PDB file of N, CA and C in Angstrom:
ATOM      1  N   MET A   1     -43.589  -4.959  63.361  1.00  0.00           N
ATOM      2  CA  MET A   1     -43.268  -4.499  61.904  1.00  0.00           C
ATOM      3  C   MET A   1     -43.099  -3.112  62.094  1.00  0.00           C
ATOM      4  N   LEU A   2     -43.994  -1.970  61.991  1.00  0.00           N
ATOM      5  CA  LEU A   2     -43.444  -0.745  61.586  1.00  0.00           C
ATOM      6  C   LEU A   2     -42.637  -0.192  62.698  1.00  0.00           C
ATOM      7  N   ARG A   3     -42.859  -0.634  64.057  1.00  0.00           N
ATOM      8  CA  ARG A   3     -42.354   0.099  65.505  1.00  0.00           C
ATOM      9  C   ARG A   3     -40.731  -0.319  64.822  1.00  0.00           C
ATOM     10  N   ARG A   4     -40.293  -1.694  64.125  1.00  0.00           N
ATOM     11  CA  ARG A   4     -39.213  -1.842  64.108  1.00  0.00           C
ATOM     12  C   ARG A   4     -38.106  -1.268  63.162  1.00  0.00           C
ATOM     13  N   SER A   5     -39.080  -0.756  61.929  1.00  0.00           N
ATOM     14  CA  SER A   5     -38.971   0.063  61.167  1.00  0.00           C
ATOM     15  C   SER A   5     -38.333   1.332  61.657  1.00  0.00           C
ATOM     16  N   ALA A   6     -39.470   2.027  62.113  1.00  0.00           N
ATOM     17  CA  ALA A   6     -39.339   3.485  62.244  1.00  0.00           C
ATOM     18  C   ALA A   6     -37.521   3.570  63.572  1.00  0.00           C
ATOM     19  N   LEU A   7     -37.982   2.302  64.494  1.00  0.00           N
ATOM     20  CA  LEU A   7     -36.638   2.583  65.182  1.00  0.00           C
ATOM     21  C   LEU A   7     -35.535   2.515  64.307  1.00  0.00           C
ATOM     22  N   ALA A   8     -35.433   1.374  63.517  1.00  0.00           N
ATOM     23  CA  ALA A   8     -34.022   1.443  62.347  1.00  0.00           C
ATOM     24  C   ALA A   8     -33.660   3.104  61.735  1.00  0.00           C
ATOM     25  N   LEU A   9     -35.266   2.957  61.208  1.00  0.00           N
ATOM     26  CA  LEU A   9     -34.822   4.522  60.932  1.00  0.00           C
ATOM     27  C   LEU A   9     -34.154   5.963  62.025  1.00  0.00           C
ATOM     28  N   CYS A  10     -34.316   6.034  63.042  1.00  0.00           N
ATOM     29  CA  CYS A  10     -34.399   6.669  64.393  1.00  0.00           C
ATOM     30  C   CYS A  10     -33.238   6.313  64.448  1.00  0.00           C
ATOM     31  N   ALA A  11     -32.425   5.384  64.180  1.00  0.00           N
ATOM     32  CA  ALA A  11     -30.777   5.073  64.953  1.00  0.00           C
ATOM     33  C   ALA A  11     -29.716   5.928  65.145  1.00  0.00           C
ATOM     34  N   PRO A  12     -29.925   5.837  63.079  1.00  0.00           N
ATOM     35  CA  PRO A  12     -28.343   6.904  62.774  1.00  0.00           C
ATOM     36  C   PRO A  12     -28.512   7.878  63.768  1.00  0.00           C
ATOM     37  N   LEU A  13     -29.539   8.717  63.672  1.00  0.00           N
ATOM     38  CA  LEU A  13     -30.051  10.162  64.201  1.00  0.00           C
ATOM     39  C   LEU A  13     -29.737  10.129  65.635  1.00  0.00           C
ATOM     40  N   PHE A  14     -29.862   9.188  66.473  1.00  0.00           N
ATOM     41  CA  PHE A  14     -28.835   9.191  67.822  1.00  0.00           C
ATOM     42  C   PHE A  14     -27.767   8.942  67.845  1.00  0.00           C
ATOM     43  N   LEU A  15     -27.006   8.475  66.668  1.00  0.00           N
ATOM     44  CA  LEU A  15     -25.829   8.326  66.674  1.00  0.00           C
ATOM     45  C   LEU A  15     -24.811   9.581  66.389  1.00  0.00           C
ATOM     46  N   VAL A  16     -25.401  10.517  65.561  1.00  0.00           N
ATOM     47  CA  VAL A  16     -24.796  11.187  65.227  1.00  0.00           C
ATOM     48  C   VAL A  16     -25.245  12.950  65.915  1.00  0.00           C
ATOM     49  N   SER A  17     -25.769  12.656  66.983  1.00  0.00           N
ATOM     50  CA  SER A  17     -26.267  13.102  68.309  1.00  0.00           C
ATOM     51  C   SER A  17     -25.105  13.472  68.873  1.00  0.00           C
ATOM     52  N   ALA A  18     -24.924  11.916  69.556  1.00  0.00           N
ATOM     53  CA  ALA A  18     -24.062  11.770  69.958  1.00  0.00           C
ATOM     54  C   ALA A  18     -22.527  12.399  69.993  1.00  0.00           C
ATOM     55  N   ALA A  19     -22.289  11.773  68.948  1.00  0.00           N
ATOM     56  CA  ALA A  19     -20.712  12.082  68.118  1.00  0.00           C
ATOM     57  C   ALA A  19     -20.654  13.507  68.336  1.00  0.00           C
ATOM     58  N   SER A  20     -21.787  13.950  67.967  1.00  0.00           N
ATOM     59  CA  SER A  20     -21.481  15.433  68.091  1.00  0.00           C
ATOM     60  C   SER A  20     -21.682  16.445  69.094  1.00  0.00           C
ATOM     61  N   ALA A  21     -22.051  15.936  70.411  1.00  0.00           N
ATOM     62  CA  ALA A  21     -22.209  16.240  71.988  1.00  0.00           C
ATOM     63  C   ALA A  21     -20.687  16.059  72.715  1.00  0.00           C
ATOM     64  N   ALA A  22     -19.814  14.819  71.892  1.00  0.00           N
ATOM     65  CA  ALA A  22     -18.479  15.228  72.112  1.00  0.00           C
ATOM     66  C   ALA A  22     -17.723  16.507  71.892  1.00  0.00           C
ATOM     67  N   GLU A  23     -16.845  16.604  73.570  1.00  0.00           N
ATOM     68  CA  GLU A  23     -16.745  17.745  73.108  1.00  0.00           C
ATOM     69  C   GLU A  23     -14.748  17.538  72.966  1.00  0.00           C
ATOM     70  N   PRO A  24     -14.596  18.649  71.973  1.00  0.00           N
ATOM     71  CA  PRO A  24     -13.258  18.314  71.140  1.00  0.00           C
ATOM     72  C   PRO A  24     -11.946  18.278  72.071  1.00  0.00           C
ATOM     73  N   ILE A  25     -11.935  18.514  73.426  1.00  0.00           N
ATOM     74  CA  ILE A  25     -10.970  18.509  74.159  1.00  0.00           C
ATOM     75  C   ILE A  25     -10.838  17.236  74.892  1.00  0.00           C
ATOM     76  N   LEU A  26     -12.015  16.508  75.125  1.00  0.00           N
ATOM     77  CA  LEU A  26     -11.606  14.772  75.541  1.00  0.00           C
ATOM     78  C   LEU A  26     -10.725  14.211  74.722  1.00  0.00           C
ATOM     79  N   GLY A  27      -9.900  13.527  75.771  1.00  0.00           N
ATOM     80  CA  GLY A  27      -8.907  12.395  74.552  1.00  0.00           C
ATOM     81  C   GLY A  27      -7.671  12.459  74.588  1.00  0.00           C
ATOM     82  N   THR A  28      -6.876  11.583  74.298  1.00  0.00           N
ATOM     83  CA  THR A  28      -5.425  12.381  74.030  1.00  0.00           C
ATOM     84  C   THR A  28      -4.352  13.236  73.735  1.00  0.00           C
ATOM     85  N   TRP A  29      -3.782  13.689  74.044  1.00  0.00           N
ATOM     86  CA  TRP A  29      -2.852  14.784  73.252  1.00  0.00           C
ATOM     87  C   TRP A  29      -1.452  14.922  73.328  1.00  0.00           C
ATOM     88  N   ARG A  30      -0.688  14.827  72.708  1.00  0.00           N
ATOM     89  CA  ARG A  30       0.724  14.502  72.807  1.00  0.00           C
ATOM     90  C   ARG A  30       1.212  16.584  73.187  1.00  0.00           C
ATOM     91  N   VAL A  31       1.955  16.327  74.101  1.00  0.00           N
ATOM     92  CA  VAL A  31       3.222  17.404  74.541  1.00  0.00           C
ATOM     93  C   VAL A  31       4.286  17.677  73.423  1.00  0.00           C
ATOM     94  N   GLU A  32       4.350  19.100  73.587  1.00  0.00           N
ATOM     95  CA  GLU A  32       5.657  19.777  72.860  1.00  0.00           C
ATOM     96  C   GLU A  32       7.494  18.573  73.093  1.00  0.00           C
ATOM     97  N   ASN A  33       6.974  18.241  74.302  1.00  0.00           N
ATOM     98  CA  ASN A  33       8.084  16.962  74.813  1.00  0.00           C
ATOM     99  C   ASN A  33       8.073  15.741  73.856  1.00  0.00           C
ATOM    100  N   GLY A  34       6.778  15.242  73.603  1.00  0.00           N
ATOM    101  CA  GLY A  34       6.453  14.209  73.587  1.00  0.00           C
ATOM    102  C   GLY A  34       5.795  13.210  74.206  1.00  0.00           C
ATOM    103  N   GLU A  35       5.579  13.393  74.971  1.00  0.00           N
ATOM    104  CA  GLU A  35       4.667  12.577  76.352  1.00  0.00           C
ATOM    105  C   GLU A  35       3.448  13.107  76.258  1.00  0.00           C
ATOM    106  N   THR A  36       2.306  12.103  76.611  1.00  0.00           N
ATOM    107  CA  THR A  36       1.223  12.313  76.347  1.00  0.00           C
ATOM    108  C   THR A  36       0.551  12.630  77.653  1.00  0.00           C
ATOM    109  N   VAL A  37      -0.904  13.437  77.511  1.00  0.00           N
ATOM    110  CA  VAL A  37      -1.619  13.928  78.772  1.00  0.00           C
ATOM    111  C   VAL A  37      -3.029  13.670  78.010  1.00  0.00           C
ATOM    112  N   THR A  38      -4.472  13.428  78.793  1.00  0.00           N
ATOM    113  CA  THR A  38      -5.369  12.882  78.398  1.00  0.00           C
ATOM    114  C   THR A  38      -6.373  13.844  78.888  1.00  0.00           C
ATOM    115  N   TYR A  39      -7.322  13.860  78.359  1.00  0.00           N
ATOM    116  CA  TYR A  39      -8.150  14.752  79.123  1.00  0.00           C
ATOM    117  C   TYR A  39      -9.673  13.842  79.168  1.00  0.00           C
ATOM    118  N   SER A  40      -9.829  13.462  80.336  1.00  0.00           N
ATOM    119  CA  SER A  40     -11.368  12.749  80.551  1.00  0.00           C
ATOM    120  C   SER A  40     -12.603  13.951  81.449  1.00  0.00           C
ATOM    121  N   ALA A  41     -13.728  13.429  81.185  1.00  0.00           N
ATOM    122  CA  ALA A  41     -14.568  14.281  81.939  1.00  0.00           C
ATOM    123  C   ALA A  41     -14.632  13.862  83.281  1.00  0.00           C
ATOM    124  N   CYS A  42     -14.903  14.814  84.173  1.00  0.00           N
ATOM    125  CA  CYS A  42     -14.710  14.560  85.376  1.00  0.00           C
ATOM    126  C   CYS A  42     -15.732  15.274  86.012  1.00  0.00           C
ATOM    127  N   GLY A  43     -17.007  15.083  86.590  1.00  0.00           N
ATOM    128  CA  GLY A  43     -18.419  15.658  86.862  1.00  0.00           C
ATOM    129  C   GLY A  43     -18.662  16.528  85.857  1.00  0.00           C
ATOM    130  N   THR A  44     -19.094  17.840  86.061  1.00  0.00           N
ATOM    131  CA  THR A  44     -19.101  18.608  84.698  1.00  0.00           C
ATOM    132  C   THR A  44     -17.909  19.228  83.699  1.00  0.00           C
ATOM    133  N   ALA A  45     -17.063  18.943  84.499  1.00  0.00           N
ATOM    134  CA  ALA A  45     -15.605  19.992  83.717  1.00  0.00           C
ATOM    135  C   ALA A  45     -14.777  18.697  83.232  1.00  0.00           C
ATOM    136  N   PHE A  46     -13.411  18.565  82.727  1.00  0.00           N
ATOM    137  CA  PHE A  46     -12.369  17.997  82.281  1.00  0.00           C
ATOM    138  C   PHE A  46     -11.492  17.764  83.210  1.00  0.00           C
ATOM    139  N   CYS A  47     -10.786  16.911  83.066  1.00  0.00           N
ATOM    140  CA  CYS A  47      -9.404  16.739  83.655  1.00  0.00           C
ATOM    141  C   CYS A  47      -8.824  16.510  83.071  1.00  0.00           C
ATOM    142  N   ALA A  48      -7.233  17.175  83.082  1.00  0.00           N
ATOM    143  CA  ALA A  48      -6.042  16.189  82.854  1.00  0.00           C
ATOM    144  C   ALA A  48      -5.376  15.631  83.261  1.00  0.00           C
ATOM    145  N   THR A  49      -4.597  14.051  83.208  1.00  0.00           N
ATOM    146  CA  THR A  49      -3.537  13.756  83.506  1.00  0.00           C
ATOM    147  C   THR A  49      -2.470  13.003  82.458  1.00  0.00           C
ATOM    148  N   VAL A  50      -1.388  13.424  83.050  1.00  0.00           N
ATOM    149  CA  VAL A  50       0.102  12.829  82.708  1.00  0.00           C
ATOM    150  C   VAL A  50      -0.349  11.411  82.454  1.00  0.00           C
ATOM    151  N   ASP A  51       0.152  10.719  81.498  1.00  0.00           N
ATOM    152  CA  ASP A  51       0.097   9.610  80.502  1.00  0.00           C
ATOM    153  C   ASP A  51       1.197   8.828  80.448  1.00  0.00           C
ATOM    154  N   THR A  52       2.578   9.199  80.371  1.00  0.00           N
ATOM    155  CA  THR A  52       3.449   9.098  80.192  1.00  0.00           C
ATOM    156  C   THR A  52       4.959   9.918  80.511  1.00  0.00           C
ATOM    157  N   GLY A  53       6.318   9.999  80.627  1.00  0.00           N
ATOM    158  CA  GLY A  53       6.613  10.223  81.210  1.00  0.00           C
ATOM    159  C   GLY A  53       7.020  10.823  82.696  1.00  0.00           C
ATOM    160  N   ARG A  54       7.914  11.683  83.129  1.00  0.00           N
ATOM    161  CA  ARG A  54       8.577  12.029  84.672  1.00  0.00           C
ATOM    162  C   ARG A  54       7.198  12.033  85.566  1.00  0.00           C
ATOM    163  N   TYR A  55       6.380  12.793  85.168  1.00  0.00           N
ATOM    164  CA  TYR A  55       4.932  13.340  85.634  1.00  0.00           C
ATOM    165  C   TYR A  55       3.525  12.152  85.555  1.00  0.00           C
ATOM    166  N   LYS A  56       4.159  10.877  85.440  1.00  0.00           N
ATOM    167  CA  LYS A  56       2.694  10.011  84.763  1.00  0.00           C
ATOM    168  C   LYS A  56       2.166  10.005  85.707  1.00  0.00           C
ATOM    169  N   GLY A  57       0.739   9.909  85.772  1.00  0.00           N
ATOM    170  CA  GLY A  57      -0.289  10.080  86.629  1.00  0.00           C
ATOM    171  C   GLY A  57      -0.682  11.584  87.523  1.00  0.00           C
ATOM    172  N   LYS A  58      -0.021  12.276  87.310  1.00  0.00           N
ATOM    173  CA  LYS A  58      -0.460  13.720  88.164  1.00  0.00           C
ATOM    174  C   LYS A  58      -1.237  14.591  87.073  1.00  0.00           C
ATOM    175  N   SER A  59      -2.051  15.062  87.967  1.00  0.00           N
ATOM    176  CA  SER A  59      -3.523  15.729  87.588  1.00  0.00           C
ATOM    177  C   SER A  59      -2.625  17.139  86.863  1.00  0.00           C
ATOM    178  N   LEU A  60      -2.653  17.844  85.993  1.00  0.00           N
ATOM    179  CA  LEU A  60      -2.480  18.733  85.260  1.00  0.00           C
ATOM    180  C   LEU A  60      -3.696  20.081  85.500  1.00  0.00           C
ATOM    181  N   GLY A  61      -4.701  19.943  85.990  1.00  0.00           N
ATOM    182  CA  GLY A  61      -5.704  20.839  85.939  1.00  0.00           C
ATOM    183  C   GLY A  61      -6.785  20.666  85.739  1.00  0.00           C
ATOM    184  N   ARG A  62      -8.435  21.272  85.651  1.00  0.00           N
ATOM    185  CA  ARG A  62      -9.699  21.184  85.021  1.00  0.00           C
ATOM    186  C   ARG A  62      -9.893  21.955  84.663  1.00  0.00           C
ATOM    187  N   VAL A  63     -10.922  22.156  83.620  1.00  0.00           N
ATOM    188  CA  VAL A  63     -11.582  23.112  82.946  1.00  0.00           C
ATOM    189  C   VAL A  63     -12.727  23.030  82.657  1.00  0.00           C
ATOM    190  N   SER A  64     -13.473  23.892  82.237  1.00  0.00           N
ATOM    191  CA  SER A  64     -14.912  23.590  82.294  1.00  0.00           C
ATOM    192  C   SER A  64     -15.027  24.720  80.598  1.00  0.00           C
ATOM    193  N   GLY A  65     -16.003  24.262  80.268  1.00  0.00           N
ATOM    194  CA  GLY A  65     -16.736  24.856  79.155  1.00  0.00           C
ATOM    195  C   GLY A  65     -17.187  23.895  77.977  1.00  0.00           C
ATOM    196  N   THR A  66     -16.852  24.511  77.055  1.00  0.00           N
ATOM    197  CA  THR A  66     -17.745  23.847  75.740  1.00  0.00           C
ATOM    198  C   THR A  66     -17.717  24.253  74.263  1.00  0.00           C
ATOM    199  N   GLY A  67     -17.514  23.429  73.361  1.00  0.00           N
ATOM    200  CA  GLY A  67     -17.606  24.220  71.958  1.00  0.00           C
ATOM    201  C   GLY A  67     -16.131  24.507  71.548  1.00  0.00           C
ATOM    202  N   GLY A  68     -15.019  23.856  72.230  1.00  0.00           N
ATOM    203  CA  GLY A  68     -13.997  23.853  72.036  1.00  0.00           C
ATOM    204  C   GLY A  68     -12.858  25.671  72.897  1.00  0.00           C
ATOM    205  N   ARG A  69     -13.761  25.976  73.536  1.00  0.00           N
ATOM    206  CA  ARG A  69     -13.176  26.922  74.782  1.00  0.00           C
ATOM    207  C   ARG A  69     -13.730  26.492  76.234  1.00  0.00           C
ATOM    208  N   TYR A  70     -12.496  26.755  76.997  1.00  0.00           N
ATOM    209  CA  TYR A  70     -12.445  26.235  78.271  1.00  0.00           C
ATOM    210  C   TYR A  70     -11.604  27.615  78.856  1.00  0.00           C
ATOM    211  N   THR A  71     -12.059  26.908  80.695  1.00  0.00           N
ATOM    212  CA  THR A  71     -11.200  27.946  81.420  1.00  0.00           C
ATOM    213  C   THR A  71     -11.286  27.063  82.514  1.00  0.00           C
ATOM    214  N   GLY A  72      -9.939  27.372  83.258  1.00  0.00           N
ATOM    215  CA  GLY A  72      -9.733  26.642  84.475  1.00  0.00           C
ATOM    216  C   GLY A  72      -8.309  26.972  85.157  1.00  0.00           C
ATOM    217  N   SER A  73      -8.199  25.360  85.707  1.00  0.00           N
ATOM    218  CA  SER A  73      -7.237  25.649  86.033  1.00  0.00           C
ATOM    219  C   SER A  73      -5.876  25.099  85.491  1.00  0.00           C
ATOM    220  N   VAL A  74      -4.939  25.504  85.724  1.00  0.00           N
ATOM    221  CA  VAL A  74      -3.581  24.639  85.354  1.00  0.00           C
ATOM    222  C   VAL A  74      -2.136  24.134  86.323  1.00  0.00           C
ATOM    223  N   VAL A  75      -2.012  22.956  86.211  1.00  0.00           N
ATOM    224  CA  VAL A  75      -1.358  22.468  87.485  1.00  0.00           C
ATOM    225  C   VAL A  75       0.221  22.656  86.257  1.00  0.00           C
ATOM    226  N   ASP A  76       1.406  23.335  87.136  1.00  0.00           N
ATOM    227  CA  ASP A  76       2.637  22.768  86.676  1.00  0.00           C
ATOM    228  C   ASP A  76       3.016  21.548  87.338  1.00  0.00           C
ATOM    229  N   PRO A  77       3.241  20.499  86.719  1.00  0.00           N
ATOM    230  CA  PRO A  77       3.714  19.426  87.371  1.00  0.00           C
ATOM    231  C   PRO A  77       5.044  19.302  88.284  1.00  0.00           C
ATOM    232  N   SER A  78       5.918  19.802  87.606  1.00  0.00           N
ATOM    233  CA  SER A  78       7.635  20.337  88.231  1.00  0.00           C
ATOM    234  C   SER A  78       7.582  21.085  89.814  1.00  0.00           C
ATOM    235  N   ASN A  79       6.107  21.891  89.362  1.00  0.00           N
ATOM    236  CA  ASN A  79       6.509  22.496  91.137  1.00  0.00           C
ATOM    237  C   ASN A  79       4.636  21.891  92.138  1.00  0.00           C
ATOM    238  N   ASP A  80       3.874  21.232  91.521  1.00  0.00           N
ATOM    239  CA  ASP A  80       2.544  21.760  91.586  1.00  0.00           C
ATOM    240  C   ASP A  80       1.708  22.844  92.242  1.00  0.00           C
ATOM    241  N   LYS A  81       2.524  24.055  91.276  1.00  0.00           N
ATOM    242  CA  LYS A  81       1.580  25.541  91.974  1.00  0.00           C
ATOM    243  C   LYS A  81       0.574  25.645  90.381  1.00  0.00           C
ATOM    244  N   THR A  82      -0.271  26.152  91.088  1.00  0.00           N
ATOM    245  CA  THR A  82      -1.486  26.421  89.681  1.00  0.00           C
ATOM    246  C   THR A  82      -1.549  27.489  89.622  1.00  0.00           C
ATOM    247  N   TYR A  83      -2.209  27.235  88.129  1.00  0.00           N
ATOM    248  CA  TYR A  83      -2.563  28.743  87.677  1.00  0.00           C
ATOM    249  C   TYR A  83      -3.624  28.659  86.959  1.00  0.00           C
ATOM    250  N   GLU A  84      -4.479  29.936  86.665  1.00  0.00           N
ATOM    251  CA  GLU A  84      -5.373  30.392  86.021  1.00  0.00           C
ATOM    252  C   GLU A  84      -5.111  29.750  84.472  1.00  0.00           C
ATOM    253  N   GLY A  85      -5.994  29.186  83.943  1.00  0.00           N
ATOM    254  CA  GLY A  85      -5.740  28.792  83.084  1.00  0.00           C
ATOM    255  C   GLY A  85      -7.006  29.155  81.722  1.00  0.00           C
ATOM    256  N   ARG A  86      -6.421  28.779  80.648  1.00  0.00           N
ATOM    257  CA  ARG A  86      -7.999  28.726  79.321  1.00  0.00           C
ATOM    258  C   ARG A  86      -6.994  27.905  78.507  1.00  0.00           C
ATOM    259  N   ALA A  87      -7.837  27.043  78.376  1.00  0.00           N
ATOM    260  CA  ALA A  87      -7.589  26.179  76.721  1.00  0.00           C
ATOM    261  C   ALA A  87      -8.490  26.352  75.448  1.00  0.00           C
ATOM    262  N   GLU A  88      -8.045  25.973  74.400  1.00  0.00           N
ATOM    263  CA  GLU A  88      -8.467  26.085  72.781  1.00  0.00           C
ATOM    264  C   GLU A  88      -8.379  25.498  71.790  1.00  0.00           C
ATOM    265  N   VAL A  89      -9.512  24.549  71.108  1.00  0.00           N
ATOM    266  CA  VAL A  89      -9.051  23.363  70.486  1.00  0.00           C
ATOM    267  C   VAL A  89      -9.596  23.863  69.538  1.00  0.00           C
ATOM    268  N   SER A  90      -8.681  23.740  68.193  1.00  0.00           N
ATOM    269  CA  SER A  90      -8.825  23.852  66.799  1.00  0.00           C
ATOM    270  C   SER A  90      -8.188  22.467  66.208  1.00  0.00           C
ATOM    271  N   GLY A  91      -9.282  22.132  65.898  1.00  0.00           N
ATOM    272  CA  GLY A  91      -9.007  20.916  64.725  1.00  0.00           C
ATOM    273  C   GLY A  91      -8.627  20.102  66.051  1.00  0.00           C
ATOM    274  N   ASN A  92      -6.926  19.505  65.606  1.00  0.00           N
ATOM    275  CA  ASN A  92      -6.218  18.642  66.364  1.00  0.00           C
ATOM    276  C   ASN A  92      -4.856  19.437  67.196  1.00  0.00           C
ATOM    277  N   ILE A  93      -5.539  20.785  67.268  1.00  0.00           N
ATOM    278  CA  ILE A  93      -4.786  21.506  67.628  1.00  0.00           C
ATOM    279  C   ILE A  93      -5.234  22.237  69.366  1.00  0.00           C
ATOM    280  N   LEU A  94      -4.514  22.093  70.489  1.00  0.00           N
ATOM    281  CA  LEU A  94      -5.354  22.227  71.848  1.00  0.00           C
ATOM    282  C   LEU A  94      -3.573  23.564  71.999  1.00  0.00           C
ATOM    283  N   LYS A  95      -4.669  24.488  72.316  1.00  0.00           N
ATOM    284  CA  LYS A  95      -3.329  25.667  73.059  1.00  0.00           C
ATOM    285  C   LYS A  95      -3.919  26.048  74.524  1.00  0.00           C
ATOM    286  N   LEU A  96      -3.059  26.039  75.097  1.00  0.00           N
ATOM    287  CA  LEU A  96      -3.313  25.941  76.855  1.00  0.00           C
ATOM    288  C   LEU A  96      -2.180  27.251  76.965  1.00  0.00           C
ATOM    289  N   THR A  97      -2.847  28.046  77.952  1.00  0.00           N
ATOM    290  CA  THR A  97      -2.617  29.268  78.396  1.00  0.00           C
ATOM    291  C   THR A  97      -2.618  28.998  79.590  1.00  0.00           C
ATOM    292  N   GLY A  98      -1.507  29.565  80.559  1.00  0.00           N
ATOM    293  CA  GLY A  98      -1.826  29.612  82.448  1.00  0.00           C
ATOM    294  C   GLY A  98      -1.087  30.986  82.278  1.00  0.00           C
ATOM    295  N   CYS A  99      -2.082  31.072  83.113  1.00  0.00           N
ATOM    296  CA  CYS A  99      -1.173  32.956  83.634  1.00  0.00           C
ATOM    297  C   CYS A  99      -1.206  33.454  85.342  1.00  0.00           C
ATOM    298  N   VAL A 100      -0.284  34.405  85.667  1.00  0.00           N
ATOM    299  CA  VAL A 100      -0.150  34.812  86.830  1.00  0.00           C
ATOM    300  C   VAL A 100      -0.859  36.304  86.605  1.00  0.00           C
ATOM    301  N   ALA A 101      -1.800  36.541  87.494  1.00  0.00           N
ATOM    302  CA  ALA A 101      -2.412  37.736  87.860  1.00  0.00           C
ATOM    303  C   ALA A 101      -3.121  38.318  86.589  1.00  0.00           C
ATOM    304  N   LYS A 102      -3.773  37.355  85.433  1.00  0.00           N
ATOM    305  CA  LYS A 102      -4.116  37.835  84.050  1.00  0.00           C
ATOM    306  C   LYS A 102      -2.831  38.600  83.365  1.00  0.00           C
ATOM    307  N   VAL A 103      -1.894  38.722  83.525  1.00  0.00           N
ATOM    308  CA  VAL A 103      -0.994  39.165  83.421  1.00  0.00           C
ATOM    309  C   VAL A 103       0.132  38.596  82.246  1.00  0.00           C
ATOM    310  N   PHE A 104       0.646  37.940  83.195  1.00  0.00           N
ATOM    311  CA  PHE A 104       1.810  36.857  82.713  1.00  0.00           C
ATOM    312  C   PHE A 104       1.557  35.472  82.414  1.00  0.00           C
ATOM    313  N   CYS A 105       1.578  35.790  81.429  1.00  0.00           N
ATOM    314  CA  CYS A 105       0.645  34.307  80.444  1.00  0.00           C
ATOM    315  C   CYS A 105       2.048  33.684  79.612  1.00  0.00           C
ATOM    316  N   GLN A 106       1.694  32.054  79.544  1.00  0.00           N
ATOM    317  CA  GLN A 106       2.827  31.200  78.638  1.00  0.00           C
ATOM    318  C   GLN A 106       1.761  30.734  78.123  1.00  0.00           C
ATOM    319  N   THR A 107       2.057  30.101  76.851  1.00  0.00           N
ATOM    320  CA  THR A 107       1.222  29.103  75.962  1.00  0.00           C
ATOM    321  C   THR A 107       2.048  28.291  75.434  1.00  0.00           C
ATOM    322  N   ARG A 108       1.264  27.153  75.661  1.00  0.00           N
ATOM    323  CA  ARG A 108       2.022  25.451  75.096  1.00  0.00           C
ATOM    324  C   ARG A 108       1.125  25.178  73.902  1.00  0.00           C
ATOM    325  N   THR A 109       1.236  24.450  72.992  1.00  0.00           N
ATOM    326  CA  THR A 109       0.740  23.523  71.664  1.00  0.00           C
ATOM    327  C   THR A 109       0.731  22.491  71.984  1.00  0.00           C
ATOM    328  N   TRP A 110      -0.246  21.563  72.196  1.00  0.00           N
ATOM    329  CA  TRP A 110      -0.281  20.357  71.840  1.00  0.00           C
ATOM    330  C   TRP A 110      -0.669  19.532  70.413  1.00  0.00           C
ATOM    331  N   THR A 111      -0.616  18.725  70.304  1.00  0.00           N
ATOM    332  CA  THR A 111      -1.335  17.999  69.178  1.00  0.00           C
ATOM    333  C   THR A 111      -1.557  16.801  69.715  1.00  0.00           C
ATOM    334  N   ARG A 112      -2.864  16.451  68.380  1.00  0.00           N
ATOM    335  CA  ARG A 112      -3.404  14.566  68.693  1.00  0.00           C
ATOM    336  C   ARG A 112      -2.124  13.669  68.118  1.00  0.00           C
TER     337      ARG A 112
END
């Protein structure tokens, strides 16, 4: 009986730990044109895949990081060119930046 009570008291702690461990980038994002992209775990990184529209099923790159700040590669689905990139999540806003030679950069803003 005591073991069951202790387990019942500890269960909420495990749930809180699991929820706080989820990375903010995971999930579905709405792109500026209304289409959606989903970030999911792929190994130790996070991969983006287009869910809707003309480029449905295409990979948009792979990023690594924690706590809302990520770096990696960004793929332009219209020409399959890969750029150095970074992503930053703040609440329901995801800012993606792709750069050529770390000088010429372009930022896109997505929402949940």
